[in-house]
Full PDB file with SEQRES, HELIX, SHEET, SSBOND, CRYST1, ORIGX, SCALE, CONECT and MASTER records, all heavy atoms in Angstrom:
SEQRES   1 A   32  ILE ASP ASN VAL ASP GLN LEU LYS THR GLU ILE LEU SER          
SEQRES   2 A   32  SER LEU MET HIS ILE SER LYS THR LYS LYS LEU SER GLY          
SEQRES   3 A   32  TRP VAL ARG ALA THR ASP                                      
HELIX    1 AA1 VAL A    4  THR A   21  1                                  18    
CRYST1    1.000    1.000    1.000  90.00  90.00  90.00 P 1           1          
ORIGX1      1.000000  0.000000  0.000000        0.00000                         
ORIGX2      0.000000  1.000000  0.000000        0.00000                         
ORIGX3      0.000000  0.000000  1.000000        0.00000                         
SCALE1      1.000000  0.000000  0.000000        0.00000                         
SCALE2      0.000000  1.000000  0.000000        0.00000                         
SCALE3      0.000000  0.000000  1.000000        0.00000                         
ATOM      1  N   ILE A   1      39.649  16.914  -0.753  1.00  0.00           N  
ATOM      2  CA  ILE A   1      41.011  17.282  -0.567  1.00  0.00           C  
ATOM      3  C   ILE A   1      41.836  16.001  -0.300  1.00  0.00           C  
ATOM      4  O   ILE A   1      41.476  15.214   0.498  1.00  0.00           O  
ATOM      5  CB  ILE A   1      41.230  18.263   0.689  1.00  0.00           C  
ATOM      6  CG1 ILE A   1      40.295  19.436   0.426  1.00  0.00           C  
ATOM      7  CG2 ILE A   1      42.583  18.667   0.854  1.00  0.00           C  
ATOM      8  CD1 ILE A   1      40.587  20.219  -0.747  1.00  0.00           C  
ATOM      9  N   ASP A   2      43.063  15.943  -0.927  1.00  0.00           N  
ATOM     10  CA  ASP A   2      43.909  14.744  -0.736  1.00  0.00           C  
ATOM     11  C   ASP A   2      45.108  15.053   0.087  1.00  0.00           C  
ATOM     12  O   ASP A   2      45.848  14.138   0.659  1.00  0.00           O  
ATOM     13  CB  ASP A   2      44.433  14.236  -2.106  1.00  0.00           C  
ATOM     14  CG  ASP A   2      43.338  13.598  -2.865  1.00  0.00           C  
ATOM     15  OD1 ASP A   2      42.502  12.846  -2.276  1.00  0.00           O  
ATOM     16  OD2 ASP A   2      43.303  13.760  -4.079  1.00  0.00           O  
ATOM     17  N   ASN A   3      45.464  16.431   0.308  1.00  0.00           N  
ATOM     18  CA  ASN A   3      46.661  16.676   1.200  1.00  0.00           C  
ATOM     19  C   ASN A   3      46.577  18.224   1.569  1.00  0.00           C  
ATOM     20  O   ASN A   3      45.682  18.941   1.022  1.00  0.00           O  
ATOM     21  CB  ASN A   3      47.907  16.424   0.388  1.00  0.00           C  
ATOM     22  CG  ASN A   3      48.011  17.179  -0.917  1.00  0.00           C  
ATOM     23  OD1 ASN A   3      47.940  18.331  -1.005  1.00  0.00           O  
ATOM     24  ND2 ASN A   3      48.034  16.320  -2.058  1.00  0.00           N  
ATOM     25  N   VAL A   4      47.433  18.613   2.504  1.00  0.00           N  
ATOM     26  CA  VAL A   4      47.303  19.960   3.053  1.00  0.00           C  
ATOM     27  C   VAL A   4      47.607  21.027   2.004  1.00  0.00           C  
ATOM     28  O   VAL A   4      47.216  22.153   2.007  1.00  0.00           O  
ATOM     29  CB  VAL A   4      48.130  20.092   4.309  1.00  0.00           C  
ATOM     30  CG1 VAL A   4      47.560  19.306   5.442  1.00  0.00           C  
ATOM     31  CG2 VAL A   4      49.582  19.713   4.022  1.00  0.00           C  
ATOM     32  N   ASP A   5      48.582  20.687   1.098  1.00  0.00           N  
ATOM     33  CA  ASP A   5      48.927  21.622   0.006  1.00  0.00           C  
ATOM     34  C   ASP A   5      47.688  21.918  -0.865  1.00  0.00           C  
ATOM     35  O   ASP A   5      47.431  23.106  -1.260  1.00  0.00           O  
ATOM     36  CB  ASP A   5      50.056  21.088  -0.859  1.00  0.00           C  
ATOM     37  CG  ASP A   5      51.349  21.054  -0.157  1.00  0.00           C  
ATOM     38  OD1 ASP A   5      51.520  21.939   0.808  1.00  0.00           O  
ATOM     39  OD2 ASP A   5      52.217  20.247  -0.409  1.00  0.00           O  
ATOM     40  N   GLN A   6      46.952  20.925  -1.152  1.00  0.00           N  
ATOM     41  CA  GLN A   6      45.693  21.068  -1.987  1.00  0.00           C  
ATOM     42  C   GLN A   6      44.723  21.867  -1.135  1.00  0.00           C  
ATOM     43  O   GLN A   6      43.948  22.634  -1.689  1.00  0.00           O  
ATOM     44  CB  GLN A   6      45.172  19.771  -2.374  1.00  0.00           C  
ATOM     45  CG  GLN A   6      43.887  19.858  -3.258  1.00  0.00           C  
ATOM     46  CD  GLN A   6      43.194  18.600  -3.669  1.00  0.00           C  
ATOM     47  OE1 GLN A   6      43.736  17.578  -3.194  1.00  0.00           O  
ATOM     48  NE2 GLN A   6      42.190  18.648  -4.438  1.00  0.00           N  
ATOM     49  N   LEU A   7      44.689  21.590   0.187  1.00  0.00           N  
ATOM     50  CA  LEU A   7      43.752  22.315   0.998  1.00  0.00           C  
ATOM     51  C   LEU A   7      43.972  23.841   0.980  1.00  0.00           C  
ATOM     52  O   LEU A   7      43.106  24.638   0.737  1.00  0.00           O  
ATOM     53  CB  LEU A   7      43.995  21.822   2.493  1.00  0.00           C  
ATOM     54  CG  LEU A   7      43.198  22.591   3.599  1.00  0.00           C  
ATOM     55  CD1 LEU A   7      41.793  22.121   3.634  1.00  0.00           C  
ATOM     56  CD2 LEU A   7      43.862  22.543   4.968  1.00  0.00           C  
ATOM     57  N   LYS A   8      45.239  24.228   1.089  1.00  0.00           N  
ATOM     58  CA  LYS A   8      45.599  25.714   0.973  1.00  0.00           C  
ATOM     59  C   LYS A   8      45.266  26.243  -0.396  1.00  0.00           C  
ATOM     60  O   LYS A   8      44.755  27.392  -0.519  1.00  0.00           O  
ATOM     61  CB  LYS A   8      47.150  25.915   1.311  1.00  0.00           C  
ATOM     62  CG  LYS A   8      47.451  25.599   2.768  1.00  0.00           C  
ATOM     63  CD  LYS A   8      48.867  26.017   3.147  1.00  0.00           C  
ATOM     64  CE  LYS A   8      49.862  24.916   2.613  1.00  0.00           C  
ATOM     65  NZ  LYS A   8      51.145  25.191   3.073  1.00  0.00           N  
ATOM     66  N   THR A   9      45.555  25.486  -1.472  1.00  0.00           N  
ATOM     67  CA  THR A   9      45.326  25.994  -2.818  1.00  0.00           C  
ATOM     68  C   THR A   9      43.791  26.196  -3.036  1.00  0.00           C  
ATOM     69  O   THR A   9      43.332  27.162  -3.564  1.00  0.00           O  
ATOM     70  CB  THR A   9      45.822  24.938  -3.881  1.00  0.00           C  
ATOM     71  OG1 THR A   9      47.242  24.798  -3.677  1.00  0.00           O  
ATOM     72  CG2 THR A   9      45.489  25.419  -5.256  1.00  0.00           C  
ATOM     73  N   GLU A  10      42.998  25.211  -2.543  1.00  0.00           N  
ATOM     74  CA  GLU A  10      41.548  25.346  -2.805  1.00  0.00           C  
ATOM     75  C   GLU A  10      40.930  26.500  -1.929  1.00  0.00           C  
ATOM     76  O   GLU A  10      39.946  27.124  -2.346  1.00  0.00           O  
ATOM     77  CB  GLU A  10      40.858  24.003  -2.361  1.00  0.00           C  
ATOM     78  CG  GLU A  10      41.160  22.867  -3.290  1.00  0.00           C  
ATOM     79  CD  GLU A  10      40.629  23.081  -4.716  1.00  0.00           C  
ATOM     80  OE1 GLU A  10      39.894  24.058  -4.945  1.00  0.00           O  
ATOM     81  OE2 GLU A  10      41.019  22.301  -5.602  1.00  0.00           O  
ATOM     82  N   ILE A  11      41.519  26.779  -0.758  1.00  0.00           N  
ATOM     83  CA  ILE A  11      40.989  27.916   0.059  1.00  0.00           C  
ATOM     84  C   ILE A  11      41.254  29.136  -0.686  1.00  0.00           C  
ATOM     85  O   ILE A  11      40.402  29.961  -0.826  1.00  0.00           O  
ATOM     86  CB  ILE A  11      41.706  27.912   1.436  1.00  0.00           C  
ATOM     87  CG1 ILE A  11      41.217  26.731   2.298  1.00  0.00           C  
ATOM     88  CG2 ILE A  11      41.487  29.248   2.124  1.00  0.00           C  
ATOM     89  CD1 ILE A  11      41.974  26.581   3.560  1.00  0.00           C  
ATOM     90  N   LEU A  12      42.512  29.324  -1.239  1.00  0.00           N  
ATOM     91  CA  LEU A  12      42.818  30.582  -1.923  1.00  0.00           C  
ATOM     92  C   LEU A  12      41.896  30.694  -3.207  1.00  0.00           C  
ATOM     93  O   LEU A  12      41.445  31.818  -3.482  1.00  0.00           O  
ATOM     94  CB  LEU A  12      44.311  30.568  -2.296  1.00  0.00           C  
ATOM     95  CG  LEU A  12      45.269  30.563  -1.191  1.00  0.00           C  
ATOM     96  CD1 LEU A  12      46.760  30.513  -1.655  1.00  0.00           C  
ATOM     97  CD2 LEU A  12      45.218  31.965  -0.452  1.00  0.00           C  
ATOM     98  N   SER A  13      41.701  29.601  -3.920  1.00  0.00           N  
ATOM     99  CA  SER A  13      40.955  29.607  -5.083  1.00  0.00           C  
ATOM    100  C   SER A  13      39.460  29.960  -4.834  1.00  0.00           C  
ATOM    101  O   SER A  13      38.858  30.848  -5.429  1.00  0.00           O  
ATOM    102  CB  SER A  13      40.957  28.208  -5.773  1.00  0.00           C  
ATOM    103  OG  SER A  13      40.069  28.194  -6.899  1.00  0.00           O  
ATOM    104  N   SER A  14      38.944  29.398  -3.702  1.00  0.00           N  
ATOM    105  CA  SER A  14      37.514  29.635  -3.298  1.00  0.00           C  
ATOM    106  C   SER A  14      37.248  31.098  -2.844  1.00  0.00           C  
ATOM    107  O   SER A  14      36.275  31.785  -3.202  1.00  0.00           O  
ATOM    108  CB  SER A  14      37.058  28.606  -2.283  1.00  0.00           C  
ATOM    109  OG  SER A  14      37.101  27.370  -2.693  1.00  0.00           O  
ATOM    110  N   LEU A  15      38.249  31.590  -2.036  1.00  0.00           N  
ATOM    111  CA  LEU A  15      38.197  32.985  -1.637  1.00  0.00           C  
ATOM    112  C   LEU A  15      38.272  33.935  -2.853  1.00  0.00           C  
ATOM    113  O   LEU A  15      37.515  34.946  -2.814  1.00  0.00           O  
ATOM    114  CB  LEU A  15      39.353  33.284  -0.634  1.00  0.00           C  
ATOM    115  CG  LEU A  15      39.256  32.573   0.713  1.00  0.00           C  
ATOM    116  CD1 LEU A  15      40.505  32.926   1.528  1.00  0.00           C  
ATOM    117  CD2 LEU A  15      38.055  32.910   1.482  1.00  0.00           C  
ATOM    118  N   MET A  16      39.112  33.689  -3.816  1.00  0.00           N  
ATOM    119  CA  MET A  16      39.175  34.583  -4.918  1.00  0.00           C  
ATOM    120  C   MET A  16      37.965  34.518  -5.755  1.00  0.00           C  
ATOM    121  O   MET A  16      37.386  35.577  -6.145  1.00  0.00           O  
ATOM    122  CB  MET A  16      40.388  34.143  -5.861  1.00  0.00           C  
ATOM    123  CG  MET A  16      40.586  35.007  -6.969  1.00  0.00           C  
ATOM    124  SD  MET A  16      42.036  34.533  -7.960  1.00  0.00           S  
ATOM    125  CE  MET A  16      43.386  34.731  -6.686  1.00  0.00           C  
ATOM    126  N   HIS A  17      37.323  33.272  -5.913  1.00  0.00           N  
ATOM    127  CA  HIS A  17      36.090  33.188  -6.657  1.00  0.00           C  
ATOM    128  C   HIS A  17      34.959  33.882  -6.048  1.00  0.00           C  
ATOM    129  O   HIS A  17      34.165  34.618  -6.679  1.00  0.00           O  
ATOM    130  CB  HIS A  17      35.765  31.618  -6.887  1.00  0.00           C  
ATOM    131  CG  HIS A  17      34.465  31.388  -7.413  1.00  0.00           C  
ATOM    132  ND1 HIS A  17      34.166  31.540  -8.781  1.00  0.00           N  
ATOM    133  CD2 HIS A  17      33.234  31.026  -6.851  1.00  0.00           C  
ATOM    134  CE1 HIS A  17      32.949  31.335  -9.001  1.00  0.00           C  
ATOM    135  NE2 HIS A  17      32.343  30.965  -7.883  1.00  0.00           N  
ATOM    136  N   ILE A  18      34.757  33.767  -4.670  1.00  0.00           N  
ATOM    137  CA  ILE A  18      33.768  34.416  -3.946  1.00  0.00           C  
ATOM    138  C   ILE A  18      33.903  35.914  -4.026  1.00  0.00           C  
ATOM    139  O   ILE A  18      32.908  36.595  -4.271  1.00  0.00           O  
ATOM    140  CB  ILE A  18      33.650  33.825  -2.573  1.00  0.00           C  
ATOM    141  CG1 ILE A  18      33.145  32.401  -2.512  1.00  0.00           C  
ATOM    142  CG2 ILE A  18      32.700  34.659  -1.729  1.00  0.00           C  
ATOM    143  CD1 ILE A  18      33.184  31.686  -1.229  1.00  0.00           C  
ATOM    144  N   SER A  19      35.141  36.396  -3.869  1.00  0.00           N  
ATOM    145  CA  SER A  19      35.346  37.794  -3.902  1.00  0.00           C  
ATOM    146  C   SER A  19      34.996  38.439  -5.187  1.00  0.00           C  
ATOM    147  O   SER A  19      34.533  39.546  -5.256  1.00  0.00           O  
ATOM    148  CB  SER A  19      36.835  38.140  -3.506  1.00  0.00           C  
ATOM    149  OG  SER A  19      37.103  37.681  -2.211  1.00  0.00           O  
ATOM    150  N   LYS A  20      35.167  37.711  -6.217  1.00  0.00           N  
ATOM    151  CA  LYS A  20      34.893  38.258  -7.598  1.00  0.00           C  
ATOM    152  C   LYS A  20      33.414  38.149  -7.909  1.00  0.00           C  
ATOM    153  O   LYS A  20      32.932  38.959  -8.748  1.00  0.00           O  
ATOM    154  CB  LYS A  20      35.722  37.447  -8.684  1.00  0.00           C  
ATOM    155  CG  LYS A  20      37.228  37.756  -8.673  1.00  0.00           C  
ATOM    156  CD  LYS A  20      37.886  37.136  -9.725  1.00  0.00           C  
ATOM    157  CE  LYS A  20      39.462  37.550  -9.856  1.00  0.00           C  
ATOM    158  NZ  LYS A  20      40.096  36.793 -10.968  1.00  0.00           N  
ATOM    159  N   THR A  21      32.638  37.156  -7.445  1.00  0.00           N  
ATOM    160  CA  THR A  21      31.361  36.867  -7.829  1.00  0.00           C  
ATOM    161  C   THR A  21      30.267  37.415  -6.905  1.00  0.00           C  
ATOM    162  O   THR A  21      29.076  37.523  -7.188  1.00  0.00           O  
ATOM    163  CB  THR A  21      31.111  35.421  -8.133  1.00  0.00           C  
ATOM    164  OG1 THR A  21      31.391  34.675  -6.886  1.00  0.00           O  
ATOM    165  CG2 THR A  21      31.988  34.913  -9.228  1.00  0.00           C  
ATOM    166  N   LYS A  22      30.754  37.722  -5.616  1.00  0.00           N  
ATOM    167  CA  LYS A  22      29.690  38.140  -4.651  1.00  0.00           C  
ATOM    168  C   LYS A  22      30.104  39.558  -4.220  1.00  0.00           C  
ATOM    169  O   LYS A  22      31.330  39.934  -4.095  1.00  0.00           O  
ATOM    170  CB  LYS A  22      29.732  37.264  -3.408  1.00  0.00           C  
ATOM    171  CG  LYS A  22      29.528  35.846  -3.725  1.00  0.00           C  
ATOM    172  CD  LYS A  22      28.066  35.550  -4.080  1.00  0.00           C  
ATOM    173  CE  LYS A  22      27.763  34.117  -4.285  1.00  0.00           C  
ATOM    174  NZ  LYS A  22      26.399  33.757  -4.676  1.00  0.00           N  
ATOM    175  N   LYS A  23      29.113  40.425  -3.944  1.00  0.00           N  
ATOM    176  CA  LYS A  23      29.316  41.755  -3.412  1.00  0.00           C  
ATOM    177  C   LYS A  23      29.318  41.702  -1.941  1.00  0.00           C  
ATOM    178  O   LYS A  23      28.312  41.561  -1.254  1.00  0.00           O  
ATOM    179  CB  LYS A  23      28.139  42.691  -3.890  1.00  0.00           C  
ATOM    180  CG  LYS A  23      28.401  44.186  -3.454  1.00  0.00           C  
ATOM    181  CD  LYS A  23      27.496  45.091  -4.154  1.00  0.00           C  
ATOM    182  CE  LYS A  23      26.042  44.915  -3.658  1.00  0.00           C  
ATOM    183  NZ  LYS A  23      25.187  45.953  -4.181  1.00  0.00           N  
ATOM    184  N   LEU A  24      30.600  41.734  -1.351  1.00  0.00           N  
ATOM    185  CA  LEU A  24      30.760  41.552  -0.002  1.00  0.00           C  
ATOM    186  C   LEU A  24      31.158  42.908   0.753  1.00  0.00           C  
ATOM    187  O   LEU A  24      31.814  43.702   0.088  1.00  0.00           O  
ATOM    188  CB  LEU A  24      31.844  40.555   0.316  1.00  0.00           C  
ATOM    189  CG  LEU A  24      31.625  39.149  -0.210  1.00  0.00           C  
ATOM    190  CD1 LEU A  24      32.772  38.179  -0.015  1.00  0.00           C  
ATOM    191  CD2 LEU A  24      30.329  38.542   0.278  1.00  0.00           C  
ATOM    192  N   SER A  25      30.734  43.029   1.910  1.00  0.00           N  
ATOM    193  CA  SER A  25      31.066  44.301   2.589  1.00  0.00           C  
ATOM    194  C   SER A  25      32.507  44.397   2.971  1.00  0.00           C  
ATOM    195  O   SER A  25      33.210  45.338   2.736  1.00  0.00           O  
ATOM    196  CB  SER A  25      30.152  44.410   3.877  1.00  0.00           C  
ATOM    197  OG  SER A  25      28.850  44.561   3.540  1.00  0.00           O  
ATOM    198  N   GLY A  26      32.952  43.393   3.715  1.00  0.00           N  
ATOM    199  CA  GLY A  26      34.402  43.380   4.164  1.00  0.00           C  
ATOM    200  C   GLY A  26      34.694  44.435   5.165  1.00  0.00           C  
ATOM    201  O   GLY A  26      33.788  45.083   5.684  1.00  0.00           O  
ATOM    202  N   TRP A  27      35.926  44.574   5.420  1.00  0.00           N  
ATOM    203  CA  TRP A  27      36.486  45.608   6.359  1.00  0.00           C  
ATOM    204  C   TRP A  27      37.383  46.475   5.770  1.00  0.00           C  
ATOM    205  O   TRP A  27      38.299  46.122   5.041  1.00  0.00           O  
ATOM    206  CB  TRP A  27      37.207  44.859   7.513  1.00  0.00           C  
ATOM    207  CG  TRP A  27      36.348  43.855   8.234  1.00  0.00           C  
ATOM    208  CD1 TRP A  27      35.968  42.668   7.808  1.00  0.00           C  
ATOM    209  CD2 TRP A  27      35.763  43.998   9.535  1.00  0.00           C  
ATOM    210  NE1 TRP A  27      35.126  42.009   8.720  1.00  0.00           N  
ATOM    211  CE2 TRP A  27      34.981  42.814   9.772  1.00  0.00           C  
ATOM    212  CE3 TRP A  27      35.822  44.999  10.509  1.00  0.00           C  
ATOM    213  CZ2 TRP A  27      34.370  42.610  10.962  1.00  0.00           C  
ATOM    214  CZ3 TRP A  27      35.188  44.750  11.714  1.00  0.00           C  
ATOM    215  CH2 TRP A  27      34.399  43.624  11.976  1.00  0.00           C  
ATOM    216  N   VAL A  28      37.203  47.789   5.869  1.00  0.00           N  
ATOM    217  CA  VAL A  28      38.058  48.837   5.242  1.00  0.00           C  
ATOM    218  C   VAL A  28      38.537  49.778   6.330  1.00  0.00           C  
ATOM    219  O   VAL A  28      37.839  50.192   7.181  1.00  0.00           O  
ATOM    220  CB  VAL A  28      37.242  49.573   4.211  1.00  0.00           C  
ATOM    221  CG1 VAL A  28      38.086  50.706   3.610  1.00  0.00           C  
ATOM    222  CG2 VAL A  28      36.697  48.688   3.132  1.00  0.00           C  
ATOM    223  N   ARG A  29      39.850  50.032   6.239  1.00  0.00           N  
ATOM    224  CA  ARG A  29      40.445  51.091   7.129  1.00  0.00           C  
ATOM    225  C   ARG A  29      40.236  52.427   6.435  1.00  0.00           C  
ATOM    226  O   ARG A  29      40.780  52.719   5.369  1.00  0.00           O  
ATOM    227  CB  ARG A  29      41.941  50.787   7.313  1.00  0.00           C  
ATOM    228  CG  ARG A  29      42.547  51.788   8.343  1.00  0.00           C  
ATOM    229  CD  ARG A  29      44.053  51.625   8.320  1.00  0.00           C  
ATOM    230  NE  ARG A  29      44.438  50.234   8.777  1.00  0.00           N  
ATOM    231  CZ  ARG A  29      44.531  49.887  10.003  1.00  0.00           C  
ATOM    232  NH1 ARG A  29      44.206  50.702  11.009  1.00  0.00           N  
ATOM    233  NH2 ARG A  29      44.835  48.637  10.254  1.00  0.00           N  
ATOM    234  N   ALA A  30      39.510  53.298   7.123  1.00  0.00           N  
ATOM    235  CA  ALA A  30      39.153  54.629   6.458  1.00  0.00           C  
ATOM    236  C   ALA A  30      39.753  55.737   7.422  1.00  0.00           C  
ATOM    237  O   ALA A  30      39.501  55.760   8.533  1.00  0.00           O  
ATOM    238  CB  ALA A  30      37.624  54.828   6.361  1.00  0.00           C  
ATOM    239  N   THR A  31      40.458  56.663   6.802  1.00  0.00           N  
ATOM    240  CA  THR A  31      40.998  57.763   7.465  1.00  0.00           C  
ATOM    241  C   THR A  31      40.072  58.905   7.408  1.00  0.00           C  
ATOM    242  O   THR A  31      39.190  58.999   6.560  1.00  0.00           O  
ATOM    243  CB  THR A  31      42.380  58.193   6.908  1.00  0.00           C  
ATOM    244  OG1 THR A  31      42.143  58.693   5.585  1.00  0.00           O  
ATOM    245  CG2 THR A  31      43.349  57.023   6.856  1.00  0.00           C  
ATOM    246  N   ASP A  32      40.256  59.872   8.376  1.00  0.00           N  
ATOM    247  CA  ASP A  32      39.341  61.109   8.362  1.00  0.00           C  
ATOM    248  C   ASP A  32      39.428  61.792   7.077  1.00  0.00           C  
ATOM    249  O   ASP A  32      38.424  62.276   6.543  1.00  0.00           O  
ATOM    250  CB  ASP A  32      39.759  61.955   9.468  1.00  0.00           C  
ATOM    251  CG  ASP A  32      39.315  61.397  10.835  1.00  0.00           C  
ATOM    252  OD1 ASP A  32      38.539  60.439  10.857  1.00  0.00           O  
ATOM    253  OD2 ASP A  32      39.892  61.876  11.890  1.00  0.00           O  
TER     254      ASP A  32                                                      
MASTER        0    0    0    1    0    0    0    6  253    1    0    3          
END                                                                             
């Protein structure tokens, strides 16, 4: 990372990549 703007961009990119390629449980709000 060279600057904070790139930091934020890479975080968003990595989160999107992991969410698409990994089966994650996550947190879901479920109603009755």
